């Protein structure tokens, strides 16, 4: 949706945003430039207090959650300002009206994907819940419910689910290529080996991308005897539970090879305790790991597979090959309850039902063909 020319122009203060994009409505007003009442409400909601004092409603949120909610509320304020509706004398509750919400939803519709729209409204709702707990959220709950029914992934999730054995084969093939090909291109070989090890590791231990990128030697990747362990503290995991799982001893020689031969080539004389190093001798971010894994899998399978989809592949493969052991999915994905893992199992059963139906149709066509001859 293109903003009409009669909207109030941005003030010099409103140019202080977190995201410089060509579409002004996509920008998020920074916290320090929020109206004073809103800023005070947010700081109070996120305040961490002493052992005997009650913290704010959002005090225990993770930094990533705080940022998502902060940006969503900043985007709401940006919309109001672009439309000349931002009155600094209003409280967060007073400036939220049904008409403004309808206009905001109309502005989002068509300019962002349905899932993005749902997430923005959800996070706006969360911001107002902790900043103005007395506010009636009936309208926001209704909007969230309807947006949830409309939100569909832009990509076909099923196309991105590859059996674990194929992911493992790709990982080990890449490592073998790095050892025996690309003569004279040492850094390239090192990057290929790194990507192969990453893919193979994710196939067996489908940890979350943020944790994968944050791995540090002797802190998250630890060698004990002849095997390696992956460990994260409760403060580092999504569900705030300790993660401590061993890698198969079959991985030991490959991890040793990466750490002793290929990782030093990537570091090029620099020092770092981060496990995954880019060809520029810098620790890899979660975005760069995401890009590398998608690129390798797209070359191999014709479709880029993001790291998170390895989790789907792990449980889908487990449910197909060993349905009697599906209960271990909760531990495999490090979920706090079985219900989340069950969703993956249901997805696999649906896929198997469709495959069985197609097999029946093929048999029926062959039977009818024989009868008509």
Protein backbone atom coordinates (compact mmCIF):
# COMPACT_ATOMS: atom_id res chain seq x y z
CA UNK A 1 0.00 0.00 0.00
CA UNK A 2 1.47 3.39 -1.03
CA UNK A 3 0.93 6.20 1.45
CA UNK A 4 -1.00 9.12 0.02
CA UNK A 5 0.62 12.54 -0.20
CA UNK A 6 -1.67 14.15 2.40
CA UNK A 7 -0.05 12.28 5.28
CA UNK A 8 1.95 14.42 7.68
CA UNK A 9 5.65 14.57 6.78
CA UNK A 10 8.17 12.90 9.00
CA UNK A 11 9.81 15.16 11.55
CA UNK A 12 13.58 15.18 11.91
CA UNK A 13 13.21 13.03 15.00
CA UNK A 14 11.27 10.36 13.16
CA UNK A 15 14.22 9.76 10.87
CA UNK A 16 15.92 8.05 13.80
CA UNK A 17 14.76 4.54 13.01
CA UNK A 18 16.19 1.07 13.36
CA UNK A 19 15.67 -0.03 9.82
CA UNK A 20 16.42 2.20 6.84
CA UNK A 21 14.19 0.85 4.09
CA UNK A 22 12.78 2.56 1.05
CA UNK A 23 9.23 2.05 2.30
CA UNK A 24 8.83 4.44 5.25
CA UNK A 25 6.00 2.39 6.72
CA UNK A 26 8.41 -0.51 7.24
CA UNK A 27 10.57 1.49 9.60
CA UNK A 28 10.62 1.19 13.39
CA UNK A 29 10.94 4.22 15.64
CA UNK A 30 13.81 3.78 18.09
CA UNK A 31 13.03 3.44 21.78
CA UNK A 32 14.79 6.68 22.71
CA UNK A 33 12.46 8.57 20.35
CA UNK A 34 9.21 7.03 21.60
CA UNK A 35 6.75 9.28 23.43
CA UNK A 36 7.82 9.55 27.07
CA UNK A 37 4.82 7.60 28.42
CA UNK A 38 5.45 4.68 26.06
CA UNK A 39 9.17 4.65 26.76
CA UNK A 40 8.60 4.66 30.52
CA UNK A 41 6.03 1.85 30.25
CA UNK A 42 8.44 -0.30 28.20
CA UNK A 43 11.39 0.27 30.54
CA UNK A 44 9.20 -0.58 33.54
CA UNK A 45 7.90 -3.75 31.85
CA UNK A 46 11.41 -4.99 31.04
CA UNK A 47 13.06 -3.91 34.30
CA UNK A 48 14.96 -6.59 36.21
CA UNK A 49 14.86 -6.13 39.95
CA UNK A 50 16.44 -7.73 43.02
CA UNK A 51 15.74 -11.15 44.52
CA UNK A 52 13.04 -9.80 46.84
CA UNK A 53 11.44 -7.47 44.31
CA UNK A 54 9.03 -8.30 41.52
CA UNK A 55 10.45 -7.57 38.07
CA UNK A 56 8.55 -6.22 35.12
CA UNK A 57 6.15 -8.41 33.14
CA UNK A 58 8.75 -8.81 30.39
CA UNK A 59 11.81 -8.97 32.63
CA UNK A 60 12.48 -12.62 31.84
CA UNK A 61 12.02 -12.35 28.09
CA UNK A 62 14.98 -13.30 25.96
CA UNK A 63 16.81 -10.53 24.13
CA UNK A 64 15.52 -11.80 20.78
CA UNK A 65 11.93 -11.69 22.05
CA UNK A 66 12.40 -8.19 23.45
CA UNK A 67 13.81 -6.97 20.14
CA UNK A 68 10.95 -8.49 18.11
CA UNK A 69 8.31 -6.92 20.38
CA UNK A 70 10.20 -3.62 20.57
CA UNK A 71 10.44 -3.41 16.78
CA UNK A 72 6.76 -4.29 16.33
CA UNK A 73 5.71 -1.51 18.67
CA UNK A 74 8.16 0.88 17.02
CA UNK A 75 6.58 0.07 13.68
CA UNK A 76 3.11 0.80 15.11
CA UNK A 77 4.35 4.20 16.31
CA UNK A 78 5.92 4.86 12.90
CA UNK A 79 2.57 4.16 11.22
CA UNK A 80 0.79 6.55 13.56
CA UNK A 81 3.38 9.25 12.96
CA UNK A 82 3.29 8.90 9.19
CA UNK A 83 -0.46 9.38 9.35
CA UNK A 84 -0.34 12.36 11.71
CA UNK A 85 -1.90 10.33 14.52
CA UNK A 86 0.94 10.26 17.05
CA UNK A 87 0.04 12.49 19.99
CA UNK A 88 2.76 12.45 22.64
CA UNK A 89 0.26 13.39 25.33
CA UNK A 90 -1.70 10.16 24.83
CA UNK A 91 -0.95 7.01 26.77
CA UNK A 92 -0.43 3.69 24.91
CA UNK A 93 -4.01 2.72 25.81
CA UNK A 94 -5.53 6.03 24.72
CA UNK A 95 -3.89 6.03 21.29
CA UNK A 96 -5.05 2.49 20.51
CA UNK A 97 -8.46 2.65 18.83
CA UNK A 98 -10.43 0.32 16.56
CA UNK A 99 -10.21 2.76 13.65
CA UNK A 100 -6.43 3.04 13.95
CA UNK A 101 -6.03 -0.73 14.18
CA UNK A 102 -8.15 -1.17 11.04
CA UNK A 103 -6.03 1.36 9.17
CA UNK A 104 -2.84 -0.27 10.39
CA UNK A 105 -4.02 -3.71 9.25
CA UNK A 106 -4.97 -2.26 5.86
CA UNK A 107 -1.49 -0.74 5.61
CA UNK A 108 0.15 -4.09 6.39
CA UNK A 109 -2.11 -6.05 4.05
CA UNK A 110 -0.40 -6.37 0.71
CA UNK A 111 2.87 -4.82 1.88
CA UNK A 112 4.08 -7.80 3.94
CA UNK A 113 3.51 -11.55 3.85
CA UNK A 114 0.53 -12.86 5.86
CA UNK A 115 2.84 -14.56 8.37
CA UNK A 116 4.78 -11.31 8.87
CA UNK A 117 1.51 -9.45 9.40
CA UNK A 118 0.42 -12.03 11.98
CA UNK A 119 3.77 -11.78 13.79
CA UNK A 120 3.67 -7.97 13.86
CA UNK A 121 0.17 -7.93 15.36
CA UNK A 122 1.09 -10.68 17.84
CA UNK A 123 4.14 -8.74 19.00
CA UNK A 124 2.17 -5.48 19.13
CA UNK A 125 -0.32 -7.28 21.35
CA UNK A 126 2.50 -8.53 23.59
CA UNK A 127 3.96 -5.04 23.87
CA UNK A 128 0.62 -3.57 24.95
CA UNK A 129 0.00 -6.50 27.31
CA UNK A 130 3.12 -5.74 29.36
CA UNK A 131 3.07 -1.95 28.92
CA UNK A 132 -0.65 -1.43 29.55
CA UNK A 133 -1.96 -4.55 31.36
CA UNK A 134 -5.30 -2.85 32.06
CA UNK A 135 -6.07 -2.46 28.36
CA UNK A 136 -8.89 -4.49 26.77
CA UNK A 137 -7.29 -6.65 24.05
CA UNK A 138 -10.49 -8.05 22.54
CA UNK A 139 -9.83 -6.43 19.16
CA UNK A 140 -6.23 -7.60 19.04
CA UNK A 141 -7.21 -11.16 19.99
CA UNK A 142 -9.80 -11.18 17.21
CA UNK A 143 -7.28 -9.86 14.70
CA UNK A 144 -4.68 -12.41 15.77
CA UNK A 145 -7.14 -15.29 15.44
CA UNK A 146 -8.19 -14.27 11.93
CA UNK A 147 -4.65 -13.59 10.81
CA UNK A 148 -3.64 -17.02 12.05
CA UNK A 149 -6.11 -18.68 9.68
CA UNK A 150 -4.79 -16.62 6.75
CA UNK A 151 -1.09 -17.04 7.47
CA UNK A 152 0.46 -19.72 5.33
CA UNK A 153 4.16 -20.33 4.70
CA UNK A 154 5.33 -18.75 1.45
CA UNK A 155 7.42 -21.84 0.75
CA UNK A 156 6.32 -25.45 0.48
CA UNK A 157 7.56 -27.01 3.69
CA UNK A 158 7.21 -30.57 2.44
CA UNK A 159 9.61 -29.93 -0.43
CA UNK A 160 12.26 -28.98 2.11
CA UNK A 161 12.02 -32.20 4.11
CA UNK A 162 14.73 -34.63 3.00
CA UNK A 163 15.35 -38.01 4.71
CA UNK A 164 18.15 -37.88 7.24
CA UNK A 165 20.20 -40.51 5.43
CA UNK A 166 20.36 -38.27 2.35
CA UNK A 167 21.41 -35.28 4.44
CA UNK A 168 24.10 -37.39 6.10
CA UNK A 169 25.30 -38.65 2.73
CA UNK A 170 25.58 -35.09 1.45
CA UNK A 171 27.58 -34.02 4.51
CA UNK A 172 30.07 -36.88 4.25
CA UNK A 173 30.32 -36.50 0.46
CA UNK A 174 31.28 -32.85 0.87
CA UNK A 175 33.94 -33.75 3.42
CA UNK A 176 35.38 -36.40 1.10
CA UNK A 177 35.42 -33.93 -1.79
CA UNK A 178 37.27 -31.41 0.35
CA UNK A 179 39.94 -33.97 1.18
CA UNK A 180 40.51 -35.22 -2.36
CA UNK A 181 39.51 -32.38 -4.72
CA UNK A 182 40.09 -28.65 -5.23
CA UNK A 183 43.87 -28.94 -5.39
CA UNK A 184 45.60 -25.63 -4.78
CA UNK A 185 42.48 -24.00 -3.33
CA UNK A 186 43.05 -24.62 0.36
CA UNK A 187 40.61 -22.08 1.75
CA UNK A 188 37.92 -23.32 -0.63
CA UNK A 189 38.55 -26.91 0.47
CA UNK A 190 38.32 -25.84 4.08
CA UNK A 191 34.96 -24.13 3.49
CA UNK A 192 33.59 -27.21 1.72
CA UNK A 193 34.71 -29.44 4.59
CA UNK A 194 33.20 -27.07 7.15
CA UNK A 195 29.84 -27.07 5.35
CA UNK A 196 29.88 -30.86 5.04
CA UNK A 197 30.58 -31.28 8.74
CA UNK A 198 27.85 -28.75 9.62
CA UNK A 199 25.27 -30.57 7.51
CA UNK A 200 26.20 -34.00 8.88
CA UNK A 201 26.18 -32.70 12.45
CA UNK A 202 22.76 -31.07 12.02
CA UNK A 203 21.37 -34.26 10.50
CA UNK A 204 22.28 -36.15 13.69
CA UNK A 205 21.85 -33.37 16.24
CA UNK A 206 19.35 -30.86 14.80
CA UNK A 207 20.09 -28.01 17.20
CA UNK A 208 18.69 -24.55 16.63
CA UNK A 209 20.54 -22.22 14.26
CA UNK A 210 21.26 -19.62 16.92
CA UNK A 211 22.96 -22.24 19.09
CA UNK A 212 24.82 -23.68 16.12
CA UNK A 213 26.31 -20.29 15.26
CA UNK A 214 27.25 -19.55 18.88
CA UNK A 215 29.25 -22.75 19.42
CA UNK A 216 32.65 -22.23 21.03
CA UNK A 217 35.49 -24.69 21.46
CA UNK A 218 35.75 -26.34 24.89
CA UNK A 219 32.60 -24.56 25.96
CA UNK A 220 29.88 -25.87 23.66
CA UNK A 221 31.90 -28.41 21.65
CA UNK A 222 33.79 -30.52 24.18
CA UNK A 223 35.93 -33.62 23.65
CA UNK A 224 35.74 -36.27 26.33
CA UNK A 225 37.78 -39.38 25.66
CA UNK A 226 37.15 -40.50 22.11
CA UNK A 227 33.89 -38.60 21.58
CA UNK A 228 32.67 -35.03 21.35
CA UNK A 229 29.76 -33.53 23.28
CA UNK A 230 27.56 -30.56 22.49
CA UNK A 231 26.50 -28.62 25.57
CA UNK A 232 24.47 -25.47 26.22
CA UNK A 233 23.42 -23.97 29.53
CA UNK A 234 19.76 -23.22 30.33
CA UNK A 235 20.40 -19.52 29.66
CA UNK A 236 21.45 -20.40 26.09
CA UNK A 237 18.52 -22.61 25.06
CA UNK A 238 15.06 -21.61 23.92
CA UNK A 239 13.22 -23.58 26.60
CA UNK A 240 15.76 -22.72 29.33
CA UNK A 241 16.76 -26.35 29.83
CA UNK A 242 20.27 -27.76 29.85
CA UNK A 243 21.33 -29.32 26.54
CA UNK A 244 24.07 -31.95 26.83
CA UNK A 245 24.22 -34.58 24.10
CA UNK A 246 27.08 -36.69 22.74
CA UNK A 247 28.02 -37.06 19.10
CA UNK A 248 28.54 -40.53 17.74
CA UNK A 249 32.16 -41.70 17.89
CA UNK A 250 31.96 -41.93 14.07
CA UNK A 251 32.13 -38.13 14.06
CA UNK A 252 35.33 -37.92 16.09
CA UNK A 253 37.80 -38.24 13.22
CA UNK A 254 35.84 -35.74 11.11
CA UNK A 255 35.63 -33.15 13.88
CA UNK A 256 39.34 -33.67 14.61
CA UNK A 257 40.13 -33.20 10.91
CA UNK A 258 38.17 -29.96 10.79
CA UNK A 259 39.67 -28.54 13.97
CA UNK A 260 43.27 -29.58 13.28
CA UNK A 261 43.53 -29.14 9.51
CA UNK A 262 40.77 -27.06 7.93
CA UNK A 263 39.75 -24.58 10.63
CA UNK A 264 43.32 -23.17 10.92
CA UNK A 265 43.24 -22.57 7.15
CA UNK A 266 40.05 -20.58 7.52
CA UNK A 267 41.44 -18.59 10.47
CA UNK A 268 44.55 -17.66 8.43
CA UNK A 269 46.61 -16.91 11.52
CA UNK A 270 43.86 -15.21 13.50
CA UNK A 271 42.63 -16.38 16.88
CA UNK A 272 39.05 -17.31 17.81
CA UNK A 273 37.32 -19.89 19.98
CA UNK A 274 34.23 -19.96 17.76
CA UNK A 275 33.77 -23.31 16.00
CA UNK A 276 32.52 -22.13 12.62
CA UNK A 277 34.84 -19.79 10.74
CA UNK A 278 34.16 -18.10 7.40
CA UNK A 279 36.62 -17.93 4.49
CA UNK A 280 37.20 -14.32 5.55
CA UNK A 281 38.72 -15.56 8.83
CA UNK A 282 35.72 -14.32 10.85
CA UNK A 283 33.28 -16.24 13.08
CA UNK A 284 30.20 -17.15 11.07
CA UNK A 285 26.90 -15.54 12.02
CA UNK A 286 23.66 -17.51 12.03
CA UNK A 287 22.77 -15.75 8.76
CA UNK A 288 25.99 -16.85 7.04
CA UNK A 289 25.52 -20.44 8.26
CA UNK A 290 21.95 -20.32 6.98
CA UNK A 291 23.17 -19.19 3.55
CA UNK A 292 25.92 -21.80 3.32
CA UNK A 293 23.63 -24.69 4.25
CA UNK A 294 20.87 -23.58 1.90
CA UNK A 295 23.36 -23.19 -0.95
CA UNK A 296 24.87 -26.68 -0.50
CA UNK A 297 21.49 -28.37 -0.18
CA UNK A 298 20.05 -26.54 -3.17
CA UNK A 299 22.94 -27.75 -5.32
CA UNK A 300 22.41 -31.31 -4.10
CA UNK A 301 18.62 -31.58 -3.95
CA UNK A 302 17.33 -28.77 -6.16
CA UNK A 303 15.76 -26.97 -3.20
CA UNK A 304 17.51 -25.03 -0.47
CA UNK A 305 16.94 -26.56 2.96
CA UNK A 306 17.22 -24.13 5.90
CA UNK A 307 18.80 -25.39 9.14
CA UNK A 308 15.49 -25.45 11.01
CA UNK A 309 14.05 -27.89 8.49
CA UNK A 310 16.62 -30.49 9.61
CA UNK A 311 14.48 -30.81 12.74
CA UNK A 312 11.46 -31.72 10.65
CA UNK A 313 13.54 -34.20 8.67
CA UNK A 314 14.85 -35.89 11.82
CA UNK A 315 11.45 -36.56 13.37
CA UNK A 316 9.75 -37.32 10.06
CA UNK A 317 12.41 -39.93 9.30
CA UNK A 318 12.10 -41.35 12.81
CA UNK A 319 8.32 -41.62 12.60
CA UNK A 320 8.48 -43.38 9.23
CA UNK A 321 11.20 -45.88 10.05
CA UNK A 322 10.60 -46.42 13.77
CA UNK A 323 7.12 -45.20 14.72
CA UNK A 324 7.29 -47.20 17.93
CA UNK A 325 10.13 -44.94 19.07
CA UNK A 326 8.50 -41.62 18.25
CA UNK A 327 8.50 -40.76 21.96
CA UNK A 328 12.22 -40.00 21.75
CA UNK A 329 11.46 -37.05 19.43
CA UNK A 330 10.92 -34.85 22.47
CA UNK A 331 14.51 -35.42 23.62
CA UNK A 332 15.93 -35.35 20.10
CA UNK A 333 14.53 -31.87 19.41
CA UNK A 334 14.99 -30.76 23.01
CA UNK A 335 11.32 -29.87 23.39
CA UNK A 336 9.88 -29.20 26.82
CA UNK A 337 6.78 -31.28 26.06
CA UNK A 338 5.75 -34.04 23.68
CA UNK A 339 2.88 -32.12 22.07
CA UNK A 340 5.24 -30.08 19.90
CA UNK A 341 7.01 -33.18 18.63
CA UNK A 342 3.67 -34.87 17.99
CA UNK A 343 2.93 -32.23 15.35
CA UNK A 344 5.87 -33.52 13.34
CA UNK A 345 4.63 -37.09 13.73
CA UNK A 346 1.16 -36.15 12.46
CA UNK A 347 2.78 -34.46 9.47
CA UNK A 348 4.69 -37.64 8.64
CA UNK A 349 1.53 -39.76 8.96
CA UNK A 350 -0.32 -37.45 6.58
CA UNK A 351 2.49 -37.78 4.05
CA UNK A 352 2.47 -41.58 4.35
CA UNK A 353 -1.31 -41.66 3.85
CA UNK A 354 -1.04 -39.65 0.62
CA UNK A 355 1.79 -41.89 -0.61
CA UNK A 356 -0.26 -45.00 0.14
CA UNK A 357 -3.23 -43.54 -1.71
CA UNK A 358 -1.09 -42.75 -4.76
CA UNK A 359 0.29 -46.31 -4.70
CA UNK A 360 -3.27 -47.65 -4.65
CA UNK A 361 -4.21 -45.48 -7.62
CA UNK A 362 -1.21 -46.75 -9.58
CA UNK A 363 -2.23 -50.34 -8.89
CA UNK A 364 -5.82 -49.55 -9.90
CA UNK A 365 -4.67 -47.98 -13.20
CA UNK A 366 -2.55 -51.02 -13.99
CA UNK A 367 -5.51 -53.31 -13.20
CA UNK A 368 -7.93 -51.31 -15.37
CA UNK A 369 -5.39 -51.19 -18.16
CA UNK A 370 -5.03 -54.95 -18.12
CA UNK A 371 -8.83 -55.46 -18.11
CA UNK A 372 -9.28 -53.17 -21.12
CA UNK A 373 -6.68 -54.95 -23.28
